[in-house]
Amino acid sequence: MDRLNLKIIFEKSKLYFQVTDTASKEKKFIVRGYYRCTFHDDILQETKSTAASGLKLKCVGGGRIKHDDSGKDILVYGYSQGYGRADHQIAVDILKQKYTDYHIDFSNDGY
């Protein structure tokens, strides 16, 4: 399903989405975050506006990502006040596919 082969993009706050291809019913999780987006709902609206037709997005929670590119370290943590805390292990698993030489972990602490 090429339409679900989306890049991982993040900088600050992030949201998790379950994406469903309405034609094939195939599902996958994605992580989205944009530094220019102040609130989690801003991320949701931007992601929806750029999604291909035929894809259904369901927000399943949010949080934050601390990315130290010089130390090759990523920490997924916190929650979204509007969308709740998602399963951070999902984000870690997705990020490990892209950042194979990084140490990536999560914490349920913090906002």
N, C-alpha and C. Protein backbone atom coordinates (compact mmCIF):
# COMPACT_ATOMS: atom_id res chain seq x y z
N MET A 1 0.85 -1.17 0.00
CA MET A 1 0.00 0.00 0.00
C MET A 1 0.89 1.23 0.00
N ASP A 2 1.16 1.77 -1.16
CA ASP A 2 2.06 2.89 -1.30
C ASP A 2 1.54 4.15 -0.62
N ARG A 3 0.24 4.31 -0.55
CA ARG A 3 -0.31 5.53 0.04
C ARG A 3 -0.03 5.60 1.53
N LEU A 4 0.24 4.49 2.17
CA LEU A 4 0.54 4.49 3.60
C LEU A 4 2.03 4.52 3.87
N ASN A 5 2.85 4.59 2.85
CA ASN A 5 4.29 4.63 3.03
C ASN A 5 4.70 6.09 3.26
N LEU A 6 4.36 6.61 4.46
CA LEU A 6 4.55 8.02 4.77
C LEU A 6 5.84 8.22 5.56
N LYS A 7 6.47 9.37 5.38
CA LYS A 7 7.70 9.69 6.11
C LYS A 7 7.39 9.96 7.58
N ILE A 8 8.37 9.72 8.42
CA ILE A 8 8.27 10.11 9.82
C ILE A 8 8.79 11.53 9.93
N ILE A 9 7.96 12.42 10.43
CA ILE A 9 8.32 13.81 10.56
C ILE A 9 8.02 14.22 12.00
N PHE A 10 8.99 14.78 12.71
CA PHE A 10 8.72 15.26 14.05
C PHE A 10 9.72 16.31 14.44
N GLU A 11 9.33 17.14 15.37
CA GLU A 11 10.26 18.11 15.92
C GLU A 11 9.94 18.43 17.36
N LYS A 12 8.73 18.51 17.80
CA LYS A 12 8.41 18.99 19.13
C LYS A 12 7.28 18.15 19.70
N SER A 13 6.07 18.66 19.68
CA SER A 13 4.91 17.87 20.07
C SER A 13 4.62 16.87 18.97
N LYS A 14 3.93 15.81 19.33
CA LYS A 14 3.59 14.83 18.31
C LYS A 14 2.27 14.19 18.63
N LEU A 15 1.65 13.66 17.59
CA LEU A 15 0.43 12.89 17.71
C LEU A 15 0.62 11.55 17.04
N TYR A 16 -0.10 10.56 17.53
CA TYR A 16 -0.13 9.25 16.90
C TYR A 16 -1.43 9.14 16.12
N PHE A 17 -1.34 8.54 14.96
CA PHE A 17 -2.54 8.31 14.17
C PHE A 17 -2.59 6.86 13.75
N GLN A 18 -3.79 6.34 13.70
CA GLN A 18 -4.00 5.08 13.02
C GLN A 18 -4.55 5.47 11.65
N VAL A 19 -3.87 5.05 10.60
CA VAL A 19 -4.26 5.38 9.24
C VAL A 19 -4.86 4.14 8.60
N THR A 20 -6.03 4.31 8.01
CA THR A 20 -6.70 3.21 7.33
C THR A 20 -6.91 3.57 5.88
N ASP A 21 -6.48 2.70 4.99
CA ASP A 21 -6.77 2.85 3.56
C ASP A 21 -8.20 2.37 3.38
N THR A 22 -9.09 3.28 3.00
CA THR A 22 -10.51 2.93 2.92
C THR A 22 -10.79 1.90 1.83
N ALA A 23 -9.93 1.80 0.83
CA ALA A 23 -10.14 0.81 -0.24
C ALA A 23 -9.74 -0.58 0.21
N SER A 24 -8.54 -0.71 0.77
CA SER A 24 -8.03 -2.04 1.14
C SER A 24 -8.29 -2.41 2.59
N LYS A 25 -8.66 -1.43 3.42
CA LYS A 25 -8.88 -1.61 4.86
C LYS A 25 -7.58 -1.87 5.63
N GLU A 26 -6.43 -1.76 4.95
CA GLU A 26 -5.14 -1.92 5.63
C GLU A 26 -4.93 -0.76 6.60
N LYS A 27 -4.35 -1.08 7.79
CA LYS A 27 -4.13 -0.07 8.82
C LYS A 27 -2.66 -0.04 9.21
N LYS A 28 -2.21 1.13 9.62
CA LYS A 28 -0.87 1.27 10.18
C LYS A 28 -0.86 2.50 11.08
N PHE A 29 0.15 2.57 11.95
CA PHE A 29 0.32 3.73 12.81
C PHE A 29 1.37 4.65 12.23
N ILE A 30 1.18 5.95 12.42
CA ILE A 30 2.17 6.94 12.02
C ILE A 30 2.35 7.92 13.18
N VAL A 31 3.47 8.62 13.17
CA VAL A 31 3.78 9.66 14.15
C VAL A 31 3.95 10.95 13.36
N ARG A 32 3.32 12.01 13.84
CA ARG A 32 3.45 13.30 13.18
C ARG A 32 3.67 14.39 14.22
N GLY A 33 4.53 15.34 13.87
CA GLY A 33 4.76 16.52 14.69
C GLY A 33 5.45 17.57 13.85
N TYR A 34 5.13 18.81 14.08
CA TYR A 34 5.71 19.91 13.32
C TYR A 34 6.08 21.02 14.28
N TYR A 35 7.31 21.49 14.21
CA TYR A 35 7.77 22.53 15.12
C TYR A 35 6.89 23.77 15.02
N ARG A 36 6.38 24.06 13.85
CA ARG A 36 5.56 25.26 13.65
C ARG A 36 4.17 25.14 14.27
N CYS A 37 3.80 23.94 14.71
CA CYS A 37 2.48 23.73 15.32
C CYS A 37 2.59 23.85 16.84
N THR A 38 1.87 24.80 17.40
CA THR A 38 1.93 25.05 18.84
C THR A 38 1.15 24.00 19.62
N PHE A 39 0.01 23.58 19.10
CA PHE A 39 -0.87 22.67 19.82
C PHE A 39 -1.05 21.36 19.05
N HIS A 40 -1.42 20.32 19.78
CA HIS A 40 -1.63 19.02 19.15
C HIS A 40 -2.74 19.09 18.09
N ASP A 41 -3.77 19.91 18.35
CA ASP A 41 -4.84 20.01 17.35
C ASP A 41 -4.34 20.63 16.05
N ASP A 42 -3.34 21.52 16.13
CA ASP A 42 -2.74 22.08 14.92
C ASP A 42 -2.09 20.98 14.08
N ILE A 43 -1.43 20.04 14.77
CA ILE A 43 -0.81 18.90 14.07
C ILE A 43 -1.88 18.06 13.39
N LEU A 44 -2.98 17.82 14.11
CA LEU A 44 -4.08 17.03 13.54
C LEU A 44 -4.62 17.69 12.28
N GLN A 45 -4.88 18.99 12.34
CA GLN A 45 -5.45 19.69 11.19
C GLN A 45 -4.48 19.69 10.00
N GLU A 46 -3.20 19.91 10.25
CA GLU A 46 -2.23 19.93 9.16
C GLU A 46 -2.08 18.54 8.54
N THR A 47 -2.06 17.52 9.37
CA THR A 47 -1.92 16.15 8.85
C THR A 47 -3.14 15.78 8.02
N LYS A 48 -4.32 16.13 8.49
CA LYS A 48 -5.53 15.85 7.72
C LYS A 48 -5.52 16.57 6.37
N SER A 49 -5.03 17.81 6.38
CA SER A 49 -5.07 18.60 5.15
C SER A 49 -4.08 18.08 4.10
N THR A 50 -3.08 17.32 4.51
CA THR A 50 -2.08 16.83 3.56
C THR A 50 -2.22 15.33 3.26
N ALA A 51 -3.16 14.68 3.91
CA ALA A 51 -3.34 13.24 3.69
C ALA A 51 -3.97 12.98 2.32
N ALA A 52 -3.55 11.91 1.71
CA ALA A 52 -4.11 11.52 0.42
C ALA A 52 -5.58 11.15 0.57
N SER A 53 -6.34 11.36 -0.49
CA SER A 53 -7.75 10.96 -0.43
C SER A 53 -7.81 9.44 -0.32
N GLY A 54 -8.80 8.98 0.37
CA GLY A 54 -8.94 7.55 0.57
C GLY A 54 -8.26 7.05 1.84
N LEU A 55 -7.63 7.96 2.58
CA LEU A 55 -7.02 7.58 3.85
C LEU A 55 -7.84 8.17 4.98
N LYS A 56 -8.14 7.35 5.97
CA LYS A 56 -8.88 7.79 7.15
C LYS A 56 -7.90 7.90 8.31
N LEU A 57 -7.84 9.07 8.95
CA LEU A 57 -6.95 9.29 10.09
C LEU A 57 -7.73 9.27 11.39
N LYS A 58 -7.21 8.53 12.36
CA LYS A 58 -7.81 8.50 13.69
C LYS A 58 -6.71 8.82 14.69
N CYS A 59 -6.85 9.93 15.41
CA CYS A 59 -5.86 10.29 16.42
C CYS A 59 -6.03 9.36 17.62
N VAL A 60 -4.93 8.74 18.04
CA VAL A 60 -4.99 7.80 19.17
C VAL A 60 -4.14 8.29 20.35
N GLY A 61 -3.78 9.57 20.37
CA GLY A 61 -3.06 10.14 21.50
C GLY A 61 -1.88 10.96 21.06
N GLY A 62 -1.20 11.53 22.05
CA GLY A 62 -0.07 12.39 21.73
C GLY A 62 0.95 12.43 22.84
N GLY A 63 1.90 13.32 22.70
CA GLY A 63 2.97 13.50 23.66
C GLY A 63 4.03 14.39 23.08
N ARG A 64 5.28 14.15 23.47
CA ARG A 64 6.40 14.97 23.02
C ARG A 64 7.57 14.08 22.65
N ILE A 65 8.47 14.65 21.85
CA ILE A 65 9.70 13.95 21.47
C ILE A 65 10.86 14.90 21.70
N LYS A 66 11.85 14.44 22.43
CA LYS A 66 13.11 15.17 22.61
C LYS A 66 14.14 14.49 21.73
N HIS A 67 14.66 15.24 20.76
CA HIS A 67 15.56 14.67 19.77
C HIS A 67 16.92 15.35 19.88
N ASP A 68 17.92 14.60 20.28
CA ASP A 68 19.30 15.08 20.36
C ASP A 68 20.07 14.43 19.22
N ASP A 69 20.16 15.15 18.08
CA ASP A 69 20.80 14.54 16.92
C ASP A 69 22.31 14.40 17.10
N SER A 70 22.95 15.29 17.85
CA SER A 70 24.39 15.15 18.06
C SER A 70 24.71 13.94 18.94
N GLY A 71 23.85 13.64 19.90
CA GLY A 71 24.05 12.49 20.77
C GLY A 71 23.35 11.23 20.28
N LYS A 72 22.63 11.38 19.16
CA LYS A 72 21.88 10.26 18.57
C LYS A 72 20.97 9.61 19.62
N ASP A 73 20.16 10.47 20.24
CA ASP A 73 19.29 10.04 21.32
C ASP A 73 17.90 10.64 21.10
N ILE A 74 16.88 9.82 21.24
CA ILE A 74 15.49 10.28 21.13
C ILE A 74 14.73 9.77 22.33
N LEU A 75 13.99 10.68 22.98
CA LEU A 75 13.12 10.31 24.10
C LEU A 75 11.69 10.69 23.74
N VAL A 76 10.80 9.74 23.81
CA VAL A 76 9.36 9.94 23.60
C VAL A 76 8.74 9.99 25.00
N TYR A 77 7.95 11.03 25.29
CA TYR A 77 7.43 11.17 26.65
C TYR A 77 6.15 11.99 26.68
N GLY A 78 5.51 12.05 27.83
CA GLY A 78 4.39 12.93 28.06
C GLY A 78 3.08 12.49 27.44
N TYR A 79 2.19 13.47 27.27
CA TYR A 79 0.85 13.20 26.79
C TYR A 79 0.27 14.47 26.17
N SER A 80 -0.84 14.33 25.53
CA SER A 80 -1.58 15.47 24.98
C SER A 80 -2.76 15.75 25.90
N GLN A 81 -2.93 17.02 26.28
CA GLN A 81 -4.08 17.37 27.12
C GLN A 81 -5.39 17.13 26.39
N GLY A 82 -5.39 17.33 25.09
CA GLY A 82 -6.63 17.17 24.32
C GLY A 82 -6.89 15.75 23.84
N TYR A 83 -5.84 14.97 23.59
CA TYR A 83 -5.99 13.65 22.99
C TYR A 83 -5.49 12.51 23.87
N GLY A 84 -4.96 12.85 25.04
CA GLY A 84 -4.50 11.82 25.98
C GLY A 84 -3.13 11.27 25.62
N ARG A 85 -2.72 10.27 26.38
CA ARG A 85 -1.42 9.63 26.17
C ARG A 85 -1.62 8.42 25.27
N ALA A 86 -0.79 8.33 24.27
CA ALA A 86 -0.81 7.17 23.40
C ALA A 86 0.22 6.16 23.89
N ASP A 87 0.22 5.02 23.30
CA ASP A 87 1.20 3.98 23.61
C ASP A 87 2.54 4.40 23.02
N HIS A 88 3.45 4.90 23.86
CA HIS A 88 4.74 5.41 23.37
C HIS A 88 5.61 4.32 22.76
N GLN A 89 5.38 3.08 23.12
CA GLN A 89 6.16 1.99 22.53
C GLN A 89 5.94 1.93 21.02
N ILE A 90 4.74 2.28 20.58
CA ILE A 90 4.45 2.30 19.13
C ILE A 90 5.35 3.33 18.44
N ALA A 91 5.45 4.53 19.02
CA ALA A 91 6.32 5.56 18.43
C ALA A 91 7.77 5.11 18.41
N VAL A 92 8.22 4.51 19.50
CA VAL A 92 9.60 4.02 19.58
C VAL A 92 9.86 3.01 18.47
N ASP A 93 8.94 2.08 18.28
CA ASP A 93 9.11 1.06 17.24
C ASP A 93 9.17 1.68 15.85
N ILE A 94 8.34 2.68 15.59
CA ILE A 94 8.34 3.37 14.30
C ILE A 94 9.66 4.13 14.11
N LEU A 95 10.08 4.85 15.13
CA LEU A 95 11.30 5.65 15.03
C LEU A 95 12.54 4.78 14.87
N LYS A 96 12.55 3.61 15.48
CA LYS A 96 13.71 2.71 15.36
C LYS A 96 13.90 2.22 13.92
N GLN A 97 12.84 2.18 13.14
CA GLN A 97 12.96 1.79 11.73
C GLN A 97 13.71 2.85 10.93
N LYS A 98 13.53 4.10 11.28
CA LYS A 98 14.15 5.21 10.55
C LYS A 98 15.52 5.56 11.12
N TYR A 99 15.64 5.57 12.43
CA TYR A 99 16.86 5.99 13.11
C TYR A 99 17.56 4.78 13.72
N THR A 100 18.13 3.97 12.87
CA THR A 100 18.68 2.68 13.30
C THR A 100 19.92 2.81 14.16
N ASP A 101 20.63 3.93 14.08
CA ASP A 101 21.85 4.11 14.87
C ASP A 101 21.63 4.99 16.10
N TYR A 102 20.39 5.22 16.48
CA TYR A 102 20.04 6.03 17.65
C TYR A 102 19.68 5.16 18.84
N HIS A 103 19.85 5.73 20.03
CA HIS A 103 19.26 5.16 21.24
C HIS A 103 17.89 5.81 21.38
N ILE A 104 16.84 5.03 21.39
CA ILE A 104 15.47 5.55 21.44
C ILE A 104 14.74 4.89 22.60
N ASP A 105 14.14 5.71 23.45
CA ASP A 105 13.44 5.20 24.63
C ASP A 105 12.21 6.05 24.88
N PHE A 106 11.39 5.63 25.85
CA PHE A 106 10.22 6.42 26.20
C PHE A 106 10.03 6.46 27.71
N SER A 107 9.25 7.46 28.14
CA SER A 107 8.88 7.60 29.52
C SER A 107 7.45 8.09 29.56
N ASN A 108 6.68 7.63 30.52
CA ASN A 108 5.31 8.12 30.68
C ASN A 108 5.27 9.34 31.60
N ASP A 109 6.44 9.79 32.08
CA ASP A 109 6.50 10.96 32.94
C ASP A 109 6.47 12.23 32.09
N GLY A 110 6.12 13.32 32.74
CA GLY A 110 6.18 14.64 32.09
C GLY A 110 4.96 14.95 31.28
N TYR A 111 4.92 16.20 30.85
CA TYR A 111 3.82 16.68 30.01
C TYR A 111 4.28 16.95 28.63
